[in-house]
C-alpha atoms as a PDB file:
ATOM      1  CA  MET A   1      63.077 -17.823 206.376  1.00  0.00           C
ATOM      2  CA  SER A   2      60.996 -15.267 204.334  1.00  0.00           C
ATOM      3  CA  THR A   3      64.268 -13.603 203.221  1.00  0.00           C
ATOM      4  CA  SER A   4      65.531 -16.944 201.759  1.00  0.00           C
ATOM      5  CA  ALA A   5      62.244 -17.681 200.028  1.00  0.00           C
ATOM      6  CA  SER A   6      62.216 -13.918 198.155  1.00  0.00           C
ATOM      7  CA  ASP A   7      65.658 -14.790 197.276  1.00  0.00           C
ATOM      8  CA  GLY A   8      65.055 -18.300 195.621  1.00  0.00           C
ATOM      9  CA  SER A   9      61.971 -16.651 193.842  1.00  0.00           C
ATOM     10  CA  ALA A  10      64.524 -13.717 192.667  1.00  0.00           C
ATOM     11  CA  THR A  11      66.737 -16.390 191.173  1.00  0.00           C
ATOM     12  CA  HIS A  12      64.050 -18.581 189.803  1.00  0.00           C
ATOM     13  CA  ALA A  13      62.968 -15.511 187.894  1.00  0.00           C
ATOM     14  CA  SER A  14      66.232 -14.766 186.331  1.00  0.00           C
ATOM     15  CA  VAL A  15      66.437 -18.154 185.416  1.00  0.00           C
ATOM     16  CA  ALA A  16      63.152 -18.143 183.538  1.00  0.00           C
ATOM     17  CA  ALA A  17      64.229 -14.717 181.623  1.00  0.00           C
ATOM     18  CA  THR A  18      67.246 -16.147 180.373  1.00  0.00           C
ATOM     19  CA  ASP A  19      65.420 -20.089 179.342  1.00  0.00           C
ATOM     20  CA  ASP A  20      63.214 -18.165 177.025  1.00  0.00           C
ATOM     21  CA  GLY A  21      66.193 -17.345 174.919  1.00  0.00           C
ATOM     22  CA  TYR A  22      65.605 -13.212 175.240  1.00  0.00           C
ATOM     23  CA  GLN A  23      68.979 -11.706 176.097  1.00  0.00           C
ATOM     24  CA  GLY A  24      68.939  -7.484 176.359  1.00  0.00           C
ATOM     25  CA  ALA A  25      71.320  -5.150 175.005  1.00  0.00           C
ATOM     26  CA  SER A  26      74.401  -5.061 177.367  1.00  0.00           C
ATOM     27  CA  ALA A  27      75.265  -1.785 179.300  1.00  0.00           C
ATOM     28  CA  SER A  28      78.131   0.216 177.459  1.00  0.00           C
ATOM     29  CA  ARG A  29      79.486   3.497 179.522  1.00  0.00           C
ATOM     30  CA  PRO A  30      81.326   4.392 176.133  1.00  0.00           C
ATOM     31  CA  LEU A  31      78.207   4.194 174.104  1.00  0.00           C
ATOM     32  CA  GLU A  32      76.567   6.599 176.616  1.00  0.00           C
ATOM     33  CA  ILE A  33      79.247   8.876 176.388  1.00  0.00           C
ATOM     34  CA  VAL A  34      79.429   8.701 172.930  1.00  0.00           C
ATOM     35  CA  PHE A  35      75.611   8.998 172.624  1.00  0.00           C
ATOM     36  CA  ALA A  36      75.993  12.692 174.880  1.00  0.00           C
ATOM     37  CA  VAL A  37      78.959  13.988 173.075  1.00  0.00           C
ATOM     38  CA  VAL A  38      76.717  13.758 169.795  1.00  0.00           C
ATOM     39  CA  ALA A  39      73.677  14.942 170.991  1.00  0.00           C
ATOM     40  CA  LEU A  40      75.689  17.868 172.287  1.00  0.00           C
ATOM     41  CA  GLY A  41      77.318  18.532 169.069  1.00  0.00           C
ATOM     42  CA  PHE A  42      73.894  18.246 167.403  1.00  0.00           C
ATOM     43  CA  THR A  43      71.857  20.731 169.325  1.00  0.00           C
ATOM     44  CA  ALA A  44      74.907  23.235 169.635  1.00  0.00           C
ATOM     45  CA  GLY A  45      74.648  22.888 165.650  1.00  0.00           C
ATOM     46  CA  TYR A  46      70.908  23.676 166.115  1.00  0.00           C
ATOM     47  CA  LEU A  47      71.101  26.448 168.291  1.00  0.00           C
ATOM     48  CA  PHE A  48      73.917  28.348 165.861  1.00  0.00           C
ATOM     49  CA  LEU A  49      71.548  27.542 162.836  1.00  0.00           C
ATOM     50  CA  ALA A  50      68.419  28.867 164.935  1.00  0.00           C
ATOM     51  CA  THR A  51      70.206  32.176 165.258  1.00  0.00           C
ATOM     52  CA  GLN A  52      70.947  32.285 161.657  1.00  0.00           C
ATOM     53  CA  ILE A  53      67.189  32.107 160.575  1.00  0.00           C
ATOM     54  CA  PRO A  54      66.464  34.949 158.304  1.00  0.00           C
ATOM     55  CA  LEU A  55      63.519  37.285 159.469  1.00  0.00           C
ATOM     56  CA  ARG A  56      61.576  39.400 157.000  1.00  0.00           C
ATOM     57  CA  ARG A  57      60.923  41.902 159.743  1.00  0.00           C
ATOM     58  CA  GLU A  58      62.023  42.214 163.365  1.00  0.00           C
ATOM     59  CA  ALA A  59      59.771  41.620 166.170  1.00  0.00           C
ATOM     60  CA  ALA A  60      58.799  44.649 168.296  1.00  0.00           C
ATOM     61  CA  PRO A  61      60.188  44.613 172.175  1.00  0.00           C
ATOM     62  CA  GLY A  62      58.419  42.005 174.132  1.00  0.00           C
ATOM     63  CA  GLN A  63      56.987  40.205 170.968  1.00  0.00           C
ATOM     64  CA  ILE A  64      58.009  36.909 169.473  1.00  0.00           C
ATOM     65  CA  ASP A  65      59.582  36.230 166.340  1.00  0.00           C
ATOM     66  CA  ALA A  66      60.280  33.320 164.139  1.00  0.00           C
ATOM     67  CA  ARG A  67      63.714  32.801 165.834  1.00  0.00           C
ATOM     68  CA  PHE A  68      62.108  32.555 169.401  1.00  0.00           C
ATOM     69  CA  TRP A  69      61.165  28.864 169.693  1.00  0.00           C
ATOM     70  CA  PRO A  70      63.874  27.296 167.697  1.00  0.00           C
ATOM     71  CA  LEU A  71      66.216  29.174 169.972  1.00  0.00           C
ATOM     72  CA  VAL A  72      64.100  27.874 173.215  1.00  0.00           C
ATOM     73  CA  ILE A  73      64.704  24.631 171.676  1.00  0.00           C
ATOM     74  CA  GLY A  74      68.247  24.738 171.225  1.00  0.00           C
ATOM     75  CA  VAL A  75      69.016  25.765 174.445  1.00  0.00           C
ATOM     76  CA  THR A  76      66.964  23.287 176.145  1.00  0.00           C
ATOM     77  CA  GLY A  77      68.576  20.616 173.748  1.00  0.00           C
ATOM     78  CA  VAL A  78      72.386  21.897 174.803  1.00  0.00           C
ATOM     79  CA  VAL A  79      71.356  21.997 178.792  1.00  0.00           C
ATOM     80  CA  ILE A  80      69.933  18.346 178.358  1.00  0.00           C
ATOM     81  CA  ALA A  81      72.794  17.164 176.257  1.00  0.00           C
ATOM     82  CA  ILE A  82      75.335  18.331 178.811  1.00  0.00           C
ATOM     83  CA  ALA A  83      73.366  16.673 181.561  1.00  0.00           C
ATOM     84  CA  LEU A  84      73.685  13.600 179.952  1.00  0.00           C
ATOM     85  CA  LEU A  85      77.206  14.183 179.409  1.00  0.00           C
ATOM     86  CA  ALA A  86      77.807  14.458 182.916  1.00  0.00           C
ATOM     87  CA  VAL A  87      75.630  11.536 183.744  1.00  0.00           C
ATOM     88  CA  ALA A  88      77.464   9.529 181.439  1.00  0.00           C
ATOM     89  CA  ILE A  89      80.650  10.349 182.528  1.00  0.00           C
ATOM     90  CA  THR A  90      80.073  10.534 186.643  1.00  0.00           C
ATOM     91  CA  ARG A  91      77.876   7.705 186.911  1.00  0.00           C
ATOM     92  CA  PRO A  92      77.861   3.902 185.796  1.00  0.00           C
ATOM     93  CA  ALA A  93      76.196   3.019 182.694  1.00  0.00           C
ATOM     94  CA  PRO A  94      72.660   1.913 183.125  1.00  0.00           C
ATOM     95  CA  THR A  95      71.466  -1.455 182.456  1.00  0.00           C
ATOM     96  CA  ARG A  96      69.548  -2.227 179.218  1.00  0.00           C
ATOM     97  CA  GLU A  97      68.125  -5.278 179.647  1.00  0.00           C
ATOM     98  CA  ASP A  98      64.704  -3.801 178.368  1.00  0.00           C
ATOM     99  CA  LEU A  99      66.261  -3.055 174.797  1.00  0.00           C
ATOM    100  CA  GLU A 100      66.322  -5.772 172.371  1.00  0.00           C
ATOM    101  CA  ARG A 101      69.704  -6.303 170.561  1.00  0.00           C
ATOM    102  CA  ILE A 102      70.357  -4.861 167.126  1.00  0.00           C
ATOM    103  CA  GLN A 103      67.910  -6.758 164.379  1.00  0.00           C
ATOM    104  CA  PRO A 104      69.175  -7.841 161.202  1.00  0.00           C
ATOM    105  CA  GLY A 105      68.831  -4.795 158.528  1.00  0.00           C
ATOM    106  CA  GLY A 106      68.847  -2.306 161.447  1.00  0.00           C
ATOM    107  CA  TYR A 107      72.042  -1.031 159.865  1.00  0.00           C
ATOM    108  CA  LEU A 108      70.724  -1.028 156.299  1.00  0.00           C
ATOM    109  CA  ARG A 109      67.591   0.986 157.815  1.00  0.00           C
ATOM    110  CA  VAL A 110      69.818   3.606 159.325  1.00  0.00           C
ATOM    111  CA  ILE A 111      71.837   4.053 156.466  1.00  0.00           C
ATOM    112  CA  ALA A 112      69.011   4.373 154.257  1.00  0.00           C
ATOM    113  CA  THR A 113      67.309   6.583 156.600  1.00  0.00           C
ATOM    114  CA  LEU A 114      70.095   9.102 156.249  1.00  0.00           C
ATOM    115  CA  VAL A 115      70.340   8.953 152.524  1.00  0.00           C
ATOM    116  CA  ILE A 116      66.553   9.665 152.059  1.00  0.00           C
ATOM    117  CA  THR A 117      67.081  12.533 154.774  1.00  0.00           C
ATOM    118  CA  GLY A 118      70.050  13.987 152.418  1.00  0.00           C
ATOM    119  CA  ALA A 119      67.998  13.573 149.609  1.00  0.00           C
ATOM    120  CA  PHE A 120      65.210  15.615 151.294  1.00  0.00           C
ATOM    121  CA  ILE A 121      67.856  18.597 151.994  1.00  0.00           C
ATOM    122  CA  ALA A 122      69.120  18.356 148.459  1.00  0.00           C
ATOM    123  CA  LEU A 123      65.905  18.843 147.075  1.00  0.00           C
ATOM    124  CA  TRP A 124      64.601  21.401 149.696  1.00  0.00           C
ATOM    125  CA  SER A 125      67.368  23.499 149.254  1.00  0.00           C
ATOM    126  CA  LEU A 126      66.166  24.186 145.531  1.00  0.00           C
ATOM    127  CA  GLY A 127      63.579  26.404 147.059  1.00  0.00           C
ATOM    128  CA  SER A 128      61.259  26.252 143.882  1.00  0.00           C
ATOM    129  CA  VAL A 129      61.941  25.198 140.119  1.00  0.00           C
ATOM    130  CA  ILE A 130      60.016  26.479 136.714  1.00  0.00           C
ATOM    131  CA  LEU A 131      58.571  23.840 134.868  1.00  0.00           C
ATOM    132  CA  PHE A 132      56.548  24.414 131.786  1.00  0.00           C
ATOM    133  CA  GLY A 133      56.367  27.960 132.854  1.00  0.00           C
ATOM    134  CA  TYR A 134      54.954  27.547 136.121  1.00  0.00           C
ATOM    135  CA  ARG A 135      56.727  28.016 139.423  1.00  0.00           C
ATOM    136  CA  ILE A 136      56.538  25.271 141.641  1.00  0.00           C
ATOM    137  CA  GLU A 137      57.567  25.008 145.282  1.00  0.00           C
ATOM    138  CA  VAL A 138      59.534  22.217 145.875  1.00  0.00           C
ATOM    139  CA  PHE A 139      58.980  21.562 149.826  1.00  0.00           C
ATOM    140  CA  PRO A 140      55.693  20.329 149.836  1.00  0.00           C
ATOM    141  CA  ILE A 141      56.704  17.632 147.091  1.00  0.00           C
ATOM    142  CA  ALA A 142      59.877  16.728 148.999  1.00  0.00           C
ATOM    143  CA  ALA A 143      58.421  16.523 152.346  1.00  0.00           C
ATOM    144  CA  ALA A 144      55.652  14.042 151.077  1.00  0.00           C
ATOM    145  CA  LEU A 145      58.205  11.894 149.307  1.00  0.00           C
ATOM    146  CA  LEU A 146      60.192  12.155 152.521  1.00  0.00           C
ATOM    147  CA  MET A 147      57.145  11.065 154.626  1.00  0.00           C
ATOM    148  CA  ALA A 148      56.090   8.372 152.193  1.00  0.00           C
ATOM    149  CA  ALA A 149      59.858   6.823 151.772  1.00  0.00           C
ATOM    150  CA  LEU A 150      60.486   6.745 155.564  1.00  0.00           C
ATOM    151  CA  MET A 151      57.056   4.994 156.139  1.00  0.00           C
ATOM    152  CA  LEU A 152      57.745   2.362 153.256  1.00  0.00           C
ATOM    153  CA  LEU A 153      61.240   1.665 154.905  1.00  0.00           C
ATOM    154  CA  TYR A 154      59.787   0.886 158.286  1.00  0.00           C
ATOM    155  CA  GLY A 155      57.413  -1.093 157.208  1.00  0.00           C
ATOM    156  CA  HIS A 156      54.148   0.367 156.252  1.00  0.00           C
ATOM    157  CA  ARG A 157      52.376  -1.022 153.642  1.00  0.00           C
ATOM    158  CA  ARG A 158      48.927   0.449 153.335  1.00  0.00           C
ATOM    159  CA  TRP A 159      48.913   2.640 150.128  1.00  0.00           C
ATOM    160  CA  LEU A 160      45.838   4.695 150.940  1.00  0.00           C
ATOM    161  CA  SER A 161      46.906   5.477 154.467  1.00  0.00           C
ATOM    162  CA  LEU A 162      50.493   5.910 153.171  1.00  0.00           C
ATOM    163  CA  VAL A 163      48.813   8.861 151.113  1.00  0.00           C
ATOM    164  CA  ILE A 164      46.908  10.690 153.121  1.00  0.00           C
ATOM    165  CA  TYR A 165      48.981  10.514 156.152  1.00  0.00           C
ATOM    166  CA  SER A 166      51.916  11.800 153.922  1.00  0.00           C
ATOM    167  CA  ALA A 167      50.031  14.405 152.517  1.00  0.00           C
ATOM    168  CA  SER A 168      48.085  15.577 155.935  1.00  0.00           C
ATOM    169  CA  VAL A 169      51.188  15.820 157.445  1.00  0.00           C
ATOM    170  CA  THR A 170      52.950  17.906 154.616  1.00  0.00           C
ATOM    171  CA  ALA A 171      50.079  20.401 154.244  1.00  0.00           C
ATOM    172  CA  PHE A 172      49.989  20.856 158.303  1.00  0.00           C
ATOM    173  CA  VAL A 173      53.518  21.749 158.081  1.00  0.00           C
ATOM    174  CA  TYR A 174      52.965  23.702 155.003  1.00  0.00           C
ATOM    175  CA  VAL A 175      50.244  25.980 156.242  1.00  0.00           C
ATOM    176  CA  VAL A 176      51.646  26.588 159.904  1.00  0.00           C
ATOM    177  CA  PHE A 177      55.022  27.293 158.949  1.00  0.00           C
ATOM    178  CA  GLY A 178      54.433  28.773 155.176  1.00  0.00           C
ATOM    179  CA  MET A 179      51.514  30.322 155.460  1.00  0.00           C
ATOM    180  CA  LEU A 180      50.558  31.551 158.797  1.00  0.00           C
ATOM    181  CA  LEU A 181      53.863  32.054 160.476  1.00  0.00           C
ATOM    182  CA  ARG A 182      55.440  33.260 157.115  1.00  0.00           C
ATOM    183  CA  ILE A 183      58.742  31.176 157.642  1.00  0.00           C
ATOM    184  CA  PRO A 184      60.079  30.568 154.248  1.00  0.00           C
ATOM    185  CA  LEU A 185      60.160  26.712 153.552  1.00  0.00           C
END
């Protein structure tokens, strides 16, 4: 009797979930496999680029240089991506009922994010520019613009916090990587 009561309540809960109009995203095995392959390609590319980081001076044996943490992150990413690919191939796709379907304008935001990021990379590759006889580092300006543009794109509208957050994150990255670790930005 208790078995039928619990079955009835489970059926009632599933009916209530569909009555409110919410439908989660459907499970997709090909999507899981494509995601794992893209993650593997991205992390393998990251690992390759981490091995190409120029060093101002080689570290002494037993010490950490500028390549150490990027290599650790790259190797960890490749291992996790391989595990994701193995799980995606060998197991059924997980349910995605807790995820919402793609919202209107979602594709445009992804494309705009890629364009903004591409513009940031293009500006950053300049290194520095000479303007009115002064050498100006491009990274701090480009990073602050990247943060502000992405925050605006994803709905942040308070100007004071937009400026403060963009400037503080950029300053933090510049101080830690550019000044303390002496990694060329």
